[in-house]
N, C-alpha and C. Protein backbone atom coordinates (compact mmCIF):
# COMPACT_ATOMS: atom_id res chain seq x y z
N MET A 1 24.26 79.70 -9.47
CA MET A 1 24.98 78.66 -8.59
C MET A 1 25.79 79.46 -7.61
N THR A 2 26.08 79.06 -6.38
CA THR A 2 26.98 80.09 -5.33
C THR A 2 27.36 78.86 -5.16
N ARG A 3 29.18 79.54 -5.04
CA ARG A 3 30.21 78.23 -4.53
C ARG A 3 30.09 78.39 -3.04
N GLN A 4 30.52 77.21 -2.78
CA GLN A 4 30.63 77.44 -0.96
C GLN A 4 32.01 77.20 -0.92
N THR A 5 32.54 77.93 -0.02
CA THR A 5 33.97 77.72 0.31
C THR A 5 34.02 76.38 1.63
N ILE A 6 35.22 75.84 1.90
CA ILE A 6 35.41 74.94 2.95
C ILE A 6 35.32 75.74 4.21
N ALA A 7 35.51 76.78 4.32
CA ALA A 7 35.34 77.54 5.66
C ALA A 7 33.61 77.63 5.99
N GLY A 8 33.02 78.13 4.82
CA GLY A 8 31.29 78.04 5.06
C GLY A 8 31.13 76.94 5.28
N ALA A 9 30.75 76.07 4.84
CA ALA A 9 30.57 74.53 5.08
C ALA A 9 31.08 74.49 6.17
N PHE A 10 32.47 74.16 6.69
CA PHE A 10 32.51 73.94 7.96
C PHE A 10 31.87 74.86 9.23
N ALA A 11 31.70 76.26 9.18
CA ALA A 11 30.69 77.11 9.80
C ALA A 11 29.25 76.58 9.88
N ARG A 12 28.35 76.01 8.76
CA ARG A 12 27.39 75.67 9.23
C ARG A 12 27.50 74.40 9.60
N LEU A 13 28.68 73.15 9.08
CA LEU A 13 28.42 72.11 10.09
C LEU A 13 28.86 72.31 11.70
N THR A 14 29.58 73.01 11.88
CA THR A 14 29.59 73.84 13.39
C THR A 14 28.34 74.08 13.94
N ALA A 15 27.63 75.05 13.23
CA ALA A 15 26.29 75.40 13.73
C ALA A 15 25.50 74.25 13.86
N HIS A 16 25.51 73.14 13.05
CA HIS A 16 24.46 72.44 13.09
C HIS A 16 24.54 71.30 14.29
N GLU A 17 26.13 71.17 14.34
CA GLU A 17 26.40 70.08 15.64
C GLU A 17 26.07 70.83 16.71
N GLN A 18 26.08 72.51 17.02
CA GLN A 18 25.78 73.25 18.26
C GLN A 18 24.60 72.82 18.21
N GLU A 19 23.59 73.02 16.99
CA GLU A 19 22.04 73.01 17.43
C GLU A 19 22.00 71.47 17.65
N CYS A 20 22.55 70.29 17.40
CA CYS A 20 22.08 69.04 17.68
C CYS A 20 22.67 68.88 18.65
N ALA A 21 23.65 69.40 19.54
CA ALA A 21 24.11 69.13 20.78
C ALA A 21 22.73 69.58 21.74
N LEU A 22 22.41 71.16 21.74
CA LEU A 22 21.58 71.57 22.18
C LEU A 22 20.16 70.30 22.31
N ARG A 23 19.85 70.57 21.02
CA ARG A 23 18.74 69.22 21.02
C ARG A 23 18.90 68.23 22.26
N TYR A 24 19.97 67.27 21.70
CA TYR A 24 20.31 66.04 22.42
C TYR A 24 20.38 66.41 23.97
N LYS A 25 20.42 67.24 24.72
CA LYS A 25 20.82 67.47 25.99
C LYS A 25 19.00 67.86 26.43
N SER A 26 18.50 68.42 25.27
CA SER A 26 16.89 68.70 25.72
C SER A 26 16.25 67.51 26.04
N LEU A 27 16.49 66.44 24.65
CA LEU A 27 16.20 64.94 25.08
C LEU A 27 16.24 64.28 26.42
N GLU A 28 17.52 64.39 26.27
CA GLU A 28 18.28 63.82 27.64
C GLU A 28 17.45 64.19 28.83
N ASN A 29 17.39 65.44 29.34
CA ASN A 29 16.64 66.17 30.54
C ASN A 29 15.29 65.74 30.38
N THR A 30 14.40 65.54 29.15
CA THR A 30 13.09 65.10 29.08
C THR A 30 12.99 64.06 29.45
N LEU A 31 14.15 62.81 29.04
CA LEU A 31 13.97 61.31 29.36
C LEU A 31 14.45 61.01 30.88
N THR A 32 15.11 61.90 31.29
CA THR A 32 15.56 62.18 32.87
C THR A 32 14.42 62.05 33.56
N THR A 33 13.89 63.53 33.23
CA THR A 33 12.16 63.91 34.04
C THR A 33 11.48 62.69 33.75
N GLN A 34 10.97 61.90 32.90
CA GLN A 34 9.92 60.86 32.76
C GLN A 34 10.36 59.87 33.48
N GLY A 35 11.83 59.43 33.53
CA GLY A 35 12.23 58.63 34.05
C GLY A 35 11.97 58.79 35.72
N ASP A 36 12.68 59.69 36.38
CA ASP A 36 11.77 60.01 37.55
C ASP A 36 10.78 59.98 37.84
N GLU A 37 9.82 60.32 36.98
CA GLU A 37 7.96 60.31 37.30
C GLU A 37 7.60 58.80 37.28
N LEU A 38 8.23 58.09 36.07
CA LEU A 38 8.03 56.68 36.11
C LEU A 38 8.31 56.02 37.46
N THR A 39 9.74 56.40 37.99
CA THR A 39 10.02 55.61 39.29
C THR A 39 9.30 56.08 40.24
N ALA A 40 8.64 57.27 40.48
CA ALA A 40 7.90 58.02 41.20
C ALA A 40 6.34 56.93 41.17
N ILE A 41 5.83 56.41 40.05
CA ILE A 41 4.66 55.64 39.67
C ILE A 41 4.80 53.99 39.92
N LYS A 42 5.98 53.72 39.78
CA LYS A 42 6.49 52.61 40.49
C LYS A 42 6.18 52.14 41.74
N ALA A 43 7.11 53.52 42.39
CA ALA A 43 7.14 53.20 44.15
C ALA A 43 5.93 53.58 44.39
N GLY A 44 4.79 54.15 44.02
CA GLY A 44 3.29 54.46 44.59
C GLY A 44 2.50 53.05 44.20
N ILE A 45 2.59 52.29 42.69
CA ILE A 45 2.50 51.42 42.80
C ILE A 45 2.46 49.77 43.51
N ARG A 46 3.88 49.65 43.69
CA ARG A 46 4.17 48.82 44.99
C ARG A 46 3.65 48.87 46.48
N LEU A 47 3.47 50.80 46.45
CA LEU A 47 2.91 50.90 48.17
C LEU A 47 1.64 50.29 48.16
N VAL A 48 0.94 50.33 46.89
CA VAL A 48 -0.69 49.90 46.70
C VAL A 48 -0.81 48.39 47.01
N ILE A 49 0.34 47.85 46.20
CA ILE A 49 0.29 46.68 46.33
C ILE A 49 0.17 46.16 47.52
N LYS A 50 1.28 46.12 48.40
CA LYS A 50 1.65 45.99 50.01
C LYS A 50 0.48 46.48 50.40
N GLY A 51 -0.38 47.23 50.48
CA GLY A 51 -1.64 47.69 50.98
C GLY A 51 -2.76 46.76 50.83
N VAL A 52 -2.74 46.59 49.74
CA VAL A 52 -4.27 45.26 49.42
C VAL A 52 -3.39 44.12 49.96
N GLY A 53 -2.36 43.75 50.09
CA GLY A 53 -1.85 42.45 50.69
C GLY A 53 -2.21 42.50 52.10
N ALA A 54 -1.50 43.73 52.75
CA ALA A 54 -1.52 43.96 54.28
C ALA A 54 -3.31 43.44 54.49
N ILE A 55 -3.91 44.23 53.78
CA ILE A 55 -5.45 44.23 53.72
C ILE A 55 -6.00 42.94 53.76
N GLY A 56 -5.61 42.08 52.79
CA GLY A 56 -5.91 40.90 52.52
C GLY A 56 -5.66 39.70 53.43
N LEU A 57 -4.20 40.02 54.00
CA LEU A 57 -3.64 38.92 55.14
C LEU A 57 -4.64 39.54 56.60
N SER A 58 -4.75 40.62 56.70
CA SER A 58 -6.03 40.87 57.80
C SER A 58 -7.17 40.30 57.48
N LEU A 59 -7.84 39.94 56.57
CA LEU A 59 -9.17 39.79 56.38
C LEU A 59 -8.82 38.08 56.50
N ILE A 60 -7.69 37.65 56.32
CA ILE A 60 -7.53 35.98 56.22
C ILE A 60 -7.29 35.85 57.71
N VAL A 61 -6.52 36.50 58.48
CA VAL A 61 -6.26 36.41 59.60
C VAL A 61 -7.95 36.42 60.51
N TRP A 62 -8.25 37.73 60.69
CA TRP A 62 -9.83 37.75 60.92
C TRP A 62 -10.77 36.64 60.72
N LEU A 63 -10.81 35.76 59.50
CA LEU A 63 -11.98 34.94 59.21
C LEU A 63 -10.97 33.62 60.14
N ALA A 64 -9.56 33.43 60.24
CA ALA A 64 -9.50 32.36 60.93
C ALA A 64 -9.79 32.30 62.14
N VAL A 65 -9.63 33.32 62.82
CA VAL A 65 -9.94 33.84 64.37
C VAL A 65 -11.47 33.35 64.46
N GLU A 66 -11.99 33.67 63.69
CA GLU A 66 -13.81 33.75 63.34
C GLU A 66 -14.19 32.30 63.36
N LEU A 67 -13.53 31.78 62.74
CA LEU A 67 -13.42 30.09 62.22
C LEU A 67 -13.32 29.37 63.79
N TYR A 68 -11.94 29.91 64.37
CA TYR A 68 -11.54 29.03 65.52
C TYR A 68 -12.48 29.38 66.87
N GLY A 69 -12.83 30.94 66.70
CA GLY A 69 -14.10 30.95 67.78
C GLY A 69 -15.33 29.74 67.46
N TYR A 70 -15.69 29.40 66.50
CA TYR A 70 -17.08 29.13 66.21
C TYR A 70 -16.62 27.39 66.42
N VAL A 71 -15.60 26.89 66.05
CA VAL A 71 -15.22 25.38 66.50
C VAL A 71 -15.10 25.39 67.79
N GLN A 72 -14.47 26.35 68.62
CA GLN A 72 -14.56 26.14 70.19
C GLN A 72 -15.93 26.45 70.91
N ARG A 73 -16.66 27.29 70.33
CA ARG A 73 -17.76 27.36 70.88
C ARG A 73 -18.91 25.75 70.45
N ASP A 74 -18.62 25.19 69.29
CA ASP A 74 -19.20 23.70 69.02
C ASP A 74 -18.47 23.05 69.74
N ILE A 75 -17.53 22.67 70.06
CA ILE A 75 -16.76 21.78 70.82
C ILE A 75 -17.38 21.79 72.37
N ALA A 76 -17.34 23.42 72.92
CA ALA A 76 -17.91 23.50 73.99
C ALA A 76 -19.01 22.71 74.28
N ARG A 77 -20.08 23.47 73.33
CA ARG A 77 -21.70 23.33 73.45
C ARG A 77 -21.67 21.34 73.34
N ASN A 78 -20.80 20.72 72.34
CA ASN A 78 -21.06 19.19 72.48
C ASN A 78 -20.33 18.61 73.38
N HIS A 79 -19.35 19.26 73.95
CA HIS A 79 -19.13 18.69 75.57
C HIS A 79 -19.97 18.58 76.63
N GLU A 80 -20.64 20.08 76.34
CA GLU A 80 -21.75 20.18 77.47
C GLU A 80 -22.75 19.26 77.51
N ALA A 81 -23.14 18.89 76.09
CA ALA A 81 -24.31 17.71 75.88
C ALA A 81 -23.65 16.36 76.01
N ALA A 82 -22.63 16.21 76.13
CA ALA A 82 -22.27 14.60 76.06
C ALA A 82 -22.06 14.39 77.81
N GLN A 83 -21.71 15.52 78.47
CA GLN A 83 -21.69 15.06 80.25
C GLN A 83 -23.23 15.52 80.53
N ALA A 84 -23.85 15.98 79.95
CA ALA A 84 -25.44 15.69 80.66
C ALA A 84 -25.83 14.58 79.99
N ALA A 85 -25.73 14.00 78.79
CA ALA A 85 -26.00 12.33 78.26
C ALA A 85 -25.44 11.73 79.25
N LEU A 86 -24.12 11.90 79.95
CA LEU A 86 -23.79 10.67 80.61
C LEU A 86 -24.15 10.90 82.05
N GLN A 87 -24.57 11.48 82.66
CA GLN A 87 -24.93 12.16 83.76
C GLN A 87 -26.36 11.64 83.95
N ARG A 88 -27.31 11.90 82.64
CA ARG A 88 -28.65 11.17 82.54
C ARG A 88 -28.80 9.48 82.28
N GLN A 89 -27.43 9.14 81.92
CA GLN A 89 -27.85 7.89 81.52
C GLN A 89 -27.70 7.03 82.56
N PRO A 90 -26.70 6.82 83.95
CA PRO A 90 -26.54 5.95 85.03
C PRO A 90 -27.69 6.11 85.50
N GLN A 91 -29.04 7.51 85.75
CA GLN A 91 -30.34 7.55 86.15
C GLN A 91 -31.03 6.56 85.32
N GLU A 92 -30.95 6.39 84.07
CA GLU A 92 -31.83 5.37 83.20
C GLU A 92 -31.51 4.22 83.36
N ALA A 93 -30.53 3.96 83.57
CA ALA A 93 -30.31 2.67 83.90
C ALA A 93 -30.67 2.43 85.25
N GLY A 94 -30.40 2.83 86.21
CA GLY A 94 -31.25 2.76 87.60
C GLY A 94 -32.69 2.36 87.73
N SER A 95 -33.32 3.01 86.64
CA SER A 95 -34.66 3.14 86.61
C SER A 95 -35.48 1.95 86.35
């Protein structure tokens, strides 16, 4: 059995602390890099969500414009039909 001196133990402890400091620094760098990548991924997801929202809003507006056009066309047809019926009505009453 070998006897360990205080100086030897202190030297091993110092070497261990230095090795741990290097490992923690490496872990910190890894986490920072992954954090940056995660931030970039989140930004990309936000961009996609905004794009899908813009497309959805555009489709809703297009649908509203189309429906408005159909309603206006039907109103115009009904108005023309009503005008024609009113013009025929006095002629039929006079016969």
